């Protein structure tokens, strides 16, 4: 099943820039917030892997509603 991609939330992106070379914990936090506020793209595999390694639950589109 392919993940559903929605339109970009331009305002959220403008207000929430990820710094260059952000540490993984910051990237995880950003991508979780992004998944809740904007559906323009899925969480990258590297971030999903890091979440799994930390024992964090990966959100589903349904859980974010």
PDB file of N, CA and C in Angstrom:
ATOM      1  N   UNK A   1       0.849  -1.176   0.000  1.00  0.00           N
ATOM      2  CA  UNK A   1       0.000   0.000   0.000  1.00  0.00           C
ATOM      3  C   UNK A   1       0.895   1.240   0.000  1.00  0.00           C
ATOM      4  N   UNK A   2       0.648   2.128  -0.903  1.00  0.00           N
ATOM      5  CA  UNK A   2       1.439   3.355  -1.039  1.00  0.00           C
ATOM      6  C   UNK A   2       0.887   4.423  -0.100  1.00  0.00           C
ATOM      7  N   UNK A   3       1.785   5.177   0.557  1.00  0.00           N
ATOM      8  CA  UNK A   3       1.327   6.218   1.464  1.00  0.00           C
ATOM      9  C   UNK A   3       0.704   7.357   0.673  1.00  0.00           C
ATOM     10  N   UNK A   4      -0.288   7.971   1.286  1.00  0.00           N
ATOM     11  CA  UNK A   4      -1.010   9.055   0.651  1.00  0.00           C
ATOM     12  C   UNK A   4      -0.242  10.360   0.820  1.00  0.00           C
ATOM     13  N   UNK A   5      -0.012  11.075  -0.256  1.00  0.00           N
ATOM     14  CA  UNK A   5       0.683  12.352  -0.212  1.00  0.00           C
ATOM     15  C   UNK A   5      -0.353  13.453  -0.395  1.00  0.00           C
ATOM     16  N   UNK A   6      -0.288  14.457   0.471  1.00  0.00           N
ATOM     17  CA  UNK A   6      -1.226  15.564   0.430  1.00  0.00           C
ATOM     18  C   UNK A   6      -0.501  16.828  -0.014  1.00  0.00           C
ATOM     19  N   UNK A   7      -1.266  17.880  -0.158  1.00  0.00           N
ATOM     20  CA  UNK A   7      -0.678  19.164  -0.540  1.00  0.00           C
ATOM     21  C   UNK A   7       0.235  19.682   0.566  1.00  0.00           C
ATOM     22  N   UNK A   8       1.202  20.467   0.181  1.00  0.00           N
ATOM     23  CA  UNK A   8       2.164  21.024   1.145  1.00  0.00           C
ATOM     24  C   UNK A   8       1.508  22.113   1.988  1.00  0.00           C
ATOM     25  N   UNK A   9       1.833  22.120   3.266  1.00  0.00           N
ATOM     26  CA  UNK A   9       1.400  23.174   4.180  1.00  0.00           C
ATOM     27  C   UNK A   9       2.519  24.216   4.175  1.00  0.00           C
ATOM     28  N   UNK A  10       2.453  25.130   3.234  1.00  0.00           N
ATOM     29  CA  UNK A  10       3.523  26.098   3.018  1.00  0.00           C
ATOM     30  C   UNK A  10       3.812  26.932   4.266  1.00  0.00           C
ATOM     31  N   UNK A  11       2.774  27.350   4.958  1.00  0.00           N
ATOM     32  CA  UNK A  11       2.970  28.174   6.152  1.00  0.00           C
ATOM     33  C   UNK A  11       3.751  27.393   7.220  1.00  0.00           C
ATOM     34  N   UNK A  12       3.393  26.127   7.433  1.00  0.00           N
ATOM     35  CA  UNK A  12       4.101  25.327   8.438  1.00  0.00           C
ATOM     36  C   UNK A  12       5.572  25.207   8.061  1.00  0.00           C
ATOM     37  N   UNK A  13       5.840  24.917   6.804  1.00  0.00           N
ATOM     38  CA  UNK A  13       7.233  24.791   6.346  1.00  0.00           C
ATOM     39  C   UNK A  13       8.015  26.086   6.531  1.00  0.00           C
ATOM     40  N   UNK A  14       7.392  27.216   6.259  1.00  0.00           N
ATOM     41  CA  UNK A  14       8.071  28.503   6.428  1.00  0.00           C
ATOM     42  C   UNK A  14       8.403  28.772   7.893  1.00  0.00           C
ATOM     43  N   UNK A  15       7.536  28.321   8.781  1.00  0.00           N
ATOM     44  CA  UNK A  15       7.724  28.579  10.216  1.00  0.00           C
ATOM     45  C   UNK A  15       8.572  27.517  10.918  1.00  0.00           C
ATOM     46  N   UNK A  16       8.847  26.398  10.255  1.00  0.00           N
ATOM     47  CA  UNK A  16       9.556  25.282  10.892  1.00  0.00           C
ATOM     48  C   UNK A  16      10.664  24.763   9.974  1.00  0.00           C
ATOM     49  N   UNK A  17      11.722  25.517   9.914  1.00  0.00           N
ATOM     50  CA  UNK A  17      12.882  25.116   9.101  1.00  0.00           C
ATOM     51  C   UNK A  17      13.754  24.154   9.903  1.00  0.00           C
ATOM     52  N   UNK A  18      14.171  23.073   9.260  1.00  0.00           N
ATOM     53  CA  UNK A  18      15.108  22.177   9.918  1.00  0.00           C
ATOM     54  C   UNK A  18      16.514  22.707   9.674  1.00  0.00           C
ATOM     55  N   UNK A  19      17.299  22.850  10.755  1.00  0.00           N
ATOM     56  CA  UNK A  19      18.656  23.364  10.566  1.00  0.00           C
ATOM     57  C   UNK A  19      19.522  22.381   9.788  1.00  0.00           C
ATOM     58  N   UNK A  20      20.508  22.902   9.075  1.00  0.00           N
ATOM     59  CA  UNK A  20      21.421  22.010   8.352  1.00  0.00           C
ATOM     60  C   UNK A  20      22.169  21.116   9.346  1.00  0.00           C
ATOM     61  N   UNK A  21      22.418  19.910   8.950  1.00  0.00           N
ATOM     62  CA  UNK A  21      23.164  18.940   9.766  1.00  0.00           C
ATOM     63  C   UNK A  21      22.551  18.732  11.148  1.00  0.00           C
ATOM     64  N   UNK A  22      21.228  18.758  11.225  1.00  0.00           N
ATOM     65  CA  UNK A  22      20.546  18.548  12.504  1.00  0.00           C
ATOM     66  C   UNK A  22      20.845  17.142  13.023  1.00  0.00           C
ATOM     67  N   UNK A  23      21.045  17.001  14.361  1.00  0.00           N
ATOM     68  CA  UNK A  23      21.251  15.669  14.917  1.00  0.00           C
ATOM     69  C   UNK A  23      19.985  14.829  14.739  1.00  0.00           C
ATOM     70  N   UNK A  24      20.143  13.522  14.787  1.00  0.00           N
ATOM     71  CA  UNK A  24      19.018  12.626  14.513  1.00  0.00           C
ATOM     72  C   UNK A  24      17.837  12.873  15.452  1.00  0.00           C
ATOM     73  N   UNK A  25      18.078  13.134  16.726  1.00  0.00           N
ATOM     74  CA  UNK A  25      16.949  13.378  17.636  1.00  0.00           C
ATOM     75  C   UNK A  25      16.132  14.589  17.188  1.00  0.00           C
ATOM     76  N   UNK A  26      16.803  15.616  16.708  1.00  0.00           N
ATOM     77  CA  UNK A  26      16.106  16.801  16.206  1.00  0.00           C
ATOM     78  C   UNK A  26      15.372  16.478  14.902  1.00  0.00           C
ATOM     79  N   UNK A  27      15.991  15.668  14.062  1.00  0.00           N
ATOM     80  CA  UNK A  27      15.333  15.263  12.808  1.00  0.00           C
ATOM     81  C   UNK A  27      14.070  14.460  13.098  1.00  0.00           C
ATOM     82  N   UNK A  28      14.144  13.551  14.082  1.00  0.00           N
ATOM     83  CA  UNK A  28      12.965  12.756  14.450  1.00  0.00           C
ATOM     84  C   UNK A  28      11.853  13.681  14.920  1.00  0.00           C
ATOM     85  N   UNK A  29      12.183  14.593  15.824  1.00  0.00           N
ATOM     86  CA  UNK A  29      11.187  15.534  16.355  1.00  0.00           C
ATOM     87  C   UNK A  29      10.552  16.339  15.217  1.00  0.00           C
ATOM     88  N   UNK A  30      11.382  16.852  14.291  1.00  0.00           N
ATOM     89  CA  UNK A  30      10.872  17.649  13.179  1.00  0.00           C
ATOM     90  C   UNK A  30       9.940  16.816  12.302  1.00  0.00           C
ATOM     91  N   UNK A  31      10.362  15.600  11.967  1.00  0.00           N
ATOM     92  CA  UNK A  31       9.551  14.774  11.072  1.00  0.00           C
ATOM     93  C   UNK A  31       8.244  14.334  11.714  1.00  0.00           C
ATOM     94  N   UNK A  32       8.235  14.107  13.028  1.00  0.00           N
ATOM     95  CA  UNK A  32       6.976  13.775  13.702  1.00  0.00           C
ATOM     96  C   UNK A  32       6.024  14.963  13.658  1.00  0.00           C
ATOM     97  N   UNK A  33       6.539  16.158  13.925  1.00  0.00           N
ATOM     98  CA  UNK A  33       5.702  17.362  13.842  1.00  0.00           C
ATOM     99  C   UNK A  33       5.234  17.571  12.401  1.00  0.00           C
ATOM    100  N   UNK A  34       6.126  17.347  11.460  1.00  0.00           N
ATOM    101  CA  UNK A  34       5.791  17.502  10.048  1.00  0.00           C
ATOM    102  C   UNK A  34       4.675  16.541   9.649  1.00  0.00           C
ATOM    103  N   UNK A  35       4.783  15.294  10.074  1.00  0.00           N
ATOM    104  CA  UNK A  35       3.763  14.302   9.725  1.00  0.00           C
ATOM    105  C   UNK A  35       2.393  14.702  10.266  1.00  0.00           C
ATOM    106  N   UNK A  36       2.372  15.364  11.424  1.00  0.00           N
ATOM    107  CA  UNK A  36       1.107  15.789  12.017  1.00  0.00           C
ATOM    108  C   UNK A  36       0.525  17.023  11.340  1.00  0.00           C
ATOM    109  N   UNK A  37       1.370  17.865  10.765  1.00  0.00           N
ATOM    110  CA  UNK A  37       0.927  19.150  10.222  1.00  0.00           C
ATOM    111  C   UNK A  37       0.904  19.242   8.705  1.00  0.00           C
ATOM    112  N   UNK A  38       1.625  18.377   8.029  1.00  0.00           N
ATOM    113  CA  UNK A  38       1.752  18.473   6.578  1.00  0.00           C
ATOM    114  C   UNK A  38       1.944  17.069   6.018  1.00  0.00           C
ATOM    115  N   UNK A  39       1.230  16.750   4.991  1.00  0.00           N
ATOM    116  CA  UNK A  39       1.350  15.419   4.412  1.00  0.00           C
ATOM    117  C   UNK A  39       2.030  15.417   3.063  1.00  0.00           C
ATOM    118  N   UNK A  40       2.972  16.345   2.855  1.00  0.00           N
ATOM    119  CA  UNK A  40       3.563  16.483   1.532  1.00  0.00           C
ATOM    120  C   UNK A  40       4.526  15.353   1.184  1.00  0.00           C
ATOM    121  N   UNK A  41       5.047  14.663   2.213  1.00  0.00           N
ATOM    122  CA  UNK A  41       5.940  13.537   1.931  1.00  0.00           C
ATOM    123  C   UNK A  41       6.022  12.653   3.174  1.00  0.00           C
ATOM    124  N   UNK A  42       6.376  11.393   2.981  1.00  0.00           N
ATOM    125  CA  UNK A  42       6.485  10.493   4.131  1.00  0.00           C
ATOM    126  C   UNK A  42       7.779  10.719   4.912  1.00  0.00           C
ATOM    127  N   UNK A  43       7.836  10.166   6.111  1.00  0.00           N
ATOM    128  CA  UNK A  43       9.058  10.219   6.920  1.00  0.00           C
ATOM    129  C   UNK A  43      10.113   9.386   6.200  1.00  0.00           C
ATOM    130  N   UNK A  44      11.333   9.914   6.032  1.00  0.00           N
ATOM    131  CA  UNK A  44      12.382   9.185   5.308  1.00  0.00           C
ATOM    132  C   UNK A  44      12.763   7.874   6.011  1.00  0.00           C
ATOM    133  N   UNK A  45      13.182   6.879   5.239  1.00  0.00           N
ATOM    134  CA  UNK A  45      13.565   5.581   5.816  1.00  0.00           C
ATOM    135  C   UNK A  45      14.639   5.688   6.901  1.00  0.00           C
ATOM    136  N   UNK A  46      15.609   6.587   6.745  1.00  0.00           N
ATOM    137  CA  UNK A  46      16.662   6.711   7.755  1.00  0.00           C
ATOM    138  C   UNK A  46      16.097   7.182   9.092  1.00  0.00           C
ATOM    139  N   UNK A  47      15.106   8.060   9.058  1.00  0.00           N
ATOM    140  CA  UNK A  47      14.480   8.550  10.284  1.00  0.00           C
ATOM    141  C   UNK A  47      13.593   7.461  10.879  1.00  0.00           C
ATOM    142  N   UNK A  48      12.874   6.740  10.045  1.00  0.00           N
ATOM    143  CA  UNK A  48      12.059   5.622  10.532  1.00  0.00           C
ATOM    144  C   UNK A  48      12.924   4.572  11.219  1.00  0.00           C
ATOM    145  N   UNK A  49      14.076   4.282  10.632  1.00  0.00           N
ATOM    146  CA  UNK A  49      14.993   3.302  11.215  1.00  0.00           C
ATOM    147  C   UNK A  49      15.494   3.786  12.580  1.00  0.00           C
ATOM    148  N   UNK A  50      15.860   5.055  12.669  1.00  0.00           N
ATOM    149  CA  UNK A  50      16.339   5.614  13.933  1.00  0.00           C
ATOM    150  C   UNK A  50      15.232   5.589  14.990  1.00  0.00           C
ATOM    151  N   UNK A  51      14.004   5.852  14.581  1.00  0.00           N
ATOM    152  CA  UNK A  51      12.882   5.787  15.514  1.00  0.00           C
ATOM    153  C   UNK A  51      12.713   4.369  16.034  1.00  0.00           C
ATOM    154  N   UNK A  52      12.790   3.404  15.139  1.00  0.00           N
ATOM    155  CA  UNK A  52      12.658   2.000  15.528  1.00  0.00           C
ATOM    156  C   UNK A  52      13.769   1.610  16.502  1.00  0.00           C
ATOM    157  N   UNK A  53      14.984   2.026  16.225  1.00  0.00           N
ATOM    158  CA  UNK A  53      16.127   1.717  17.093  1.00  0.00           C
ATOM    159  C   UNK A  53      15.962   2.329  18.489  1.00  0.00           C
ATOM    160  N   UNK A  54      15.227   3.443  18.578  1.00  0.00           N
ATOM    161  CA  UNK A  54      15.000   4.102  19.863  1.00  0.00           C
ATOM    162  C   UNK A  54      13.726   3.590  20.546  1.00  0.00           C
ATOM    163  N   UNK A  55      13.039   2.658  19.886  1.00  0.00           N
ATOM    164  CA  UNK A  55      11.811   2.107  20.450  1.00  0.00           C
ATOM    165  C   UNK A  55      10.630   3.054  20.368  1.00  0.00           C
ATOM    166  N   UNK A  56      10.694   4.013  19.443  1.00  0.00           N
ATOM    167  CA  UNK A  56       9.606   4.966  19.266  1.00  0.00           C
ATOM    168  C   UNK A  56       8.573   4.407  18.306  1.00  0.00           C
ATOM    169  N   UNK A  57       7.331   4.687  18.574  1.00  0.00           N
ATOM    170  CA  UNK A  57       6.266   4.260  17.683  1.00  0.00           C
ATOM    171  C   UNK A  57       6.229   5.169  16.463  1.00  0.00           C
ATOM    172  N   UNK A  58       6.095   4.567  15.314  1.00  0.00           N
ATOM    173  CA  UNK A  58       5.987   5.325  14.072  1.00  0.00           C
ATOM    174  C   UNK A  58       4.517   5.687  13.880  1.00  0.00           C
ATOM    175  N   UNK A  59       4.212   6.960  13.707  1.00  0.00           N
ATOM    176  CA  UNK A  59       2.814   7.338  13.546  1.00  0.00           C
ATOM    177  C   UNK A  59       2.250   6.864  12.217  1.00  0.00           C
ATOM    178  N   UNK A  60       0.968   6.621  12.233  1.00  0.00           N
ATOM    179  CA  UNK A  60       0.254   6.302  11.008  1.00  0.00           C
ATOM    180  C   UNK A  60      -0.609   7.512  10.665  1.00  0.00           C
ATOM    181  N   UNK A  61      -1.009   7.648   9.417  1.00  0.00           N
ATOM    182  CA  UNK A  61      -1.879   8.784   9.081  1.00  0.00           C
ATOM    183  C   UNK A  61      -3.123   8.820   9.967  1.00  0.00           C
ATOM    184  N   UNK A  62      -3.651   7.672  10.292  1.00  0.00           N
ATOM    185  CA  UNK A  62      -4.854   7.608  11.126  1.00  0.00           C
ATOM    186  C   UNK A  62      -4.558   8.101  12.548  1.00  0.00           C
ATOM    187  N   UNK A  63      -3.393   7.742  13.094  1.00  0.00           N
ATOM    188  CA  UNK A  63      -3.054   8.147  14.457  1.00  0.00           C
ATOM    189  C   UNK A  63      -2.791   9.642  14.569  1.00  0.00           C
ATOM    190  N   UNK A  64      -2.500  10.279  13.467  1.00  0.00           N
ATOM    191  CA  UNK A  64      -2.195  11.708  13.482  1.00  0.00           C
ATOM    192  C   UNK A  64      -3.434  12.588  13.366  1.00  0.00           C
ATOM    193  N   UNK A  65      -4.582  11.969  13.094  1.00  0.00           N
ATOM    194  CA  UNK A  65      -5.813  12.753  12.929  1.00  0.00           C
ATOM    195  C   UNK A  65      -6.458  13.028  14.261  1.00  0.00           C
TER     196      UNK A  65
END
